[in-house]
């Protein structure tokens, strides 16, 4: 396996950036929650949203890689996921192109999740058919 670790590593670095943003704001006097501060809410949600979606996407990418799917498909999924998470994170955590980044970022993430889900289901059914003989 080498495709999934590549994107897992790149995404992990981005998660560290998003997490550092939360930590820096917490040092300024909001140790828990967001105290109704919209900036804090955005930054915490950027990190949490990443943590909610990326593990499942990487898990399915790994299943597909182990199932020997096309390296081009795997890289395309990894790149689209990375771009989507960067757009979403920049928009929410840093406030850059807020509407575009959030919408495009989550749309790309959902696209990857749906494609991976379909490919994983197909892989599972194909494998079951082979074992059922």
Protein backbone atom coordinates (compact mmCIF):
# COMPACT_ATOMS: atom_id res chain seq x y z
CA UNK A 1 0.00 0.00 0.00
CA UNK A 2 1.38 3.39 -0.91
CA UNK A 3 -1.49 5.54 -2.21
CA UNK A 4 -3.55 5.63 0.99
CA UNK A 5 -0.55 6.39 3.23
CA UNK A 6 0.39 9.30 0.95
CA UNK A 7 -3.01 10.98 1.30
CA UNK A 8 -3.33 10.00 4.96
CA UNK A 9 -0.03 11.77 5.62
CA UNK A 10 -0.96 14.90 3.68
CA UNK A 11 -4.37 15.07 5.32
CA UNK A 12 -2.85 14.48 8.76
CA UNK A 13 -0.61 17.52 8.26
CA UNK A 14 -3.67 19.61 7.38
CA UNK A 15 -5.46 18.27 10.48
CA UNK A 16 -2.51 19.42 12.60
CA UNK A 17 -2.85 22.93 11.09
CA UNK A 18 -6.59 22.98 11.84
CA UNK A 19 -5.95 21.66 15.36
CA UNK A 20 -3.24 24.25 16.02
CA UNK A 21 -5.77 26.98 15.12
CA UNK A 22 -8.12 25.63 17.79
CA UNK A 23 -5.34 25.36 20.37
CA UNK A 24 -4.16 28.92 19.70
CA UNK A 25 -7.64 30.31 20.18
CA UNK A 26 -8.16 28.25 23.34
CA UNK A 27 -5.01 29.83 24.80
CA UNK A 28 -6.72 33.20 24.43
CA UNK A 29 -9.34 32.39 27.04
CA UNK A 30 -11.92 29.91 25.72
CA UNK A 31 -10.82 26.61 27.26
CA UNK A 32 -14.07 24.71 26.47
CA UNK A 33 -16.86 25.15 23.97
CA UNK A 34 -17.08 28.38 22.01
CA UNK A 35 -18.73 30.86 24.46
CA UNK A 36 -20.88 32.10 21.59
CA UNK A 37 -17.88 33.46 19.71
CA UNK A 38 -18.60 32.98 15.98
CA UNK A 39 -14.90 32.82 15.07
CA UNK A 40 -14.28 30.13 17.66
CA UNK A 41 -17.33 28.18 16.46
CA UNK A 42 -16.07 28.27 12.87
CA UNK A 43 -12.56 27.19 13.76
CA UNK A 44 -13.70 24.36 16.05
CA UNK A 45 -16.20 23.15 13.44
CA UNK A 46 -13.54 23.15 10.72
CA UNK A 47 -11.43 20.77 12.79
CA UNK A 48 -14.41 18.65 13.90
CA UNK A 49 -15.84 18.42 10.39
CA UNK A 50 -12.48 17.14 9.17
CA UNK A 51 -12.40 14.56 11.96
CA UNK A 52 -15.93 13.43 11.10
CA UNK A 53 -15.42 12.78 7.38
CA UNK A 54 -11.78 12.04 6.64
CA UNK A 55 -11.29 8.79 8.61
CA UNK A 56 -14.11 7.01 6.76
CA UNK A 57 -12.89 8.31 3.39
CA UNK A 58 -9.35 7.08 4.10
CA UNK A 59 -10.59 3.74 5.38
CA UNK A 60 -12.54 3.13 2.19
CA UNK A 61 -9.59 4.33 0.10
CA UNK A 62 -7.46 1.73 1.88
CA UNK A 63 -10.03 -1.01 1.21
CA UNK A 64 -10.02 -0.08 -2.46
CA UNK A 65 -6.24 -0.05 -2.60
CA UNK A 66 -6.02 -3.48 -0.98
CA UNK A 67 -8.65 -4.64 -3.48
CA UNK A 68 -6.27 -3.53 -6.26
CA UNK A 69 -8.38 -0.83 -7.82
CA UNK A 70 -6.78 1.33 -10.49
CA UNK A 71 -3.98 3.49 -9.13
CA UNK A 72 -5.35 6.34 -11.24
CA UNK A 73 -8.77 6.06 -9.59
CA UNK A 74 -7.16 5.89 -6.15
CA UNK A 75 -5.02 8.97 -6.77
CA UNK A 76 -7.97 10.84 -8.25
CA UNK A 77 -10.04 10.09 -5.13
CA UNK A 78 -7.15 11.09 -2.87
CA UNK A 79 -6.54 14.36 -4.72
CA UNK A 80 -10.23 15.29 -4.78
CA UNK A 81 -10.53 14.51 -1.05
CA UNK A 82 -7.43 16.57 -0.27
CA UNK A 83 -8.63 19.54 -2.35
CA UNK A 84 -12.08 19.32 -0.81
CA UNK A 85 -10.76 19.28 2.73
CA UNK A 86 -8.35 22.15 1.99
CA UNK A 87 -11.14 24.27 0.52
CA UNK A 88 -13.45 23.53 3.44
CA UNK A 89 -10.76 24.10 6.05
CA UNK A 90 -9.54 27.37 4.56
CA UNK A 91 -13.09 28.64 4.25
CA UNK A 92 -14.21 27.70 7.74
CA UNK A 93 -11.07 28.02 9.82
CA UNK A 94 -9.42 30.93 8.02
CA UNK A 95 -12.52 32.63 6.59
CA UNK A 96 -11.29 32.59 2.98
CA UNK A 97 -14.07 32.52 0.35
CA UNK A 98 -16.41 31.30 3.04
CA UNK A 99 -19.44 30.28 0.98
CA UNK A 100 -17.55 28.89 -2.01
CA UNK A 101 -15.03 26.97 0.09
CA UNK A 102 -17.60 25.40 2.36
CA UNK A 103 -19.93 24.36 -0.44
CA UNK A 104 -17.23 23.18 -2.83
CA UNK A 105 -15.27 21.49 -0.04
CA UNK A 106 -18.14 19.45 1.30
CA UNK A 107 -19.42 18.69 -2.22
CA UNK A 108 -16.03 17.25 -3.17
CA UNK A 109 -15.87 15.30 0.09
CA UNK A 110 -19.36 13.85 -0.47
CA UNK A 111 -18.43 13.00 -4.06
CA UNK A 112 -15.42 11.01 -2.83
CA UNK A 113 -17.46 9.26 -0.14
CA UNK A 114 -20.19 8.24 -2.60
CA UNK A 115 -17.73 6.99 -5.25
CA UNK A 116 -15.75 5.09 -2.62
CA UNK A 117 -18.94 3.62 -1.14
CA UNK A 118 -20.13 2.38 -4.53
CA UNK A 119 -16.70 0.93 -5.36
CA UNK A 120 -16.47 -0.73 -1.93
CA UNK A 121 -19.94 -2.26 -2.32
CA UNK A 122 -19.03 -3.50 -5.79
CA UNK A 123 -15.76 -4.92 -4.45
CA UNK A 124 -17.59 -6.63 -1.58
CA UNK A 125 -20.22 -8.17 -3.87
CA UNK A 126 -17.57 -9.29 -6.34
CA UNK A 127 -15.57 -10.88 -3.55
CA UNK A 128 -18.62 -12.57 -2.10
CA UNK A 129 -19.48 -14.02 -5.52
CA UNK A 130 -15.96 -15.44 -5.81
CA UNK A 131 -16.10 -17.00 -2.34
CA UNK A 132 -19.63 -18.32 -2.87
CA UNK A 133 -18.54 -20.67 -5.67
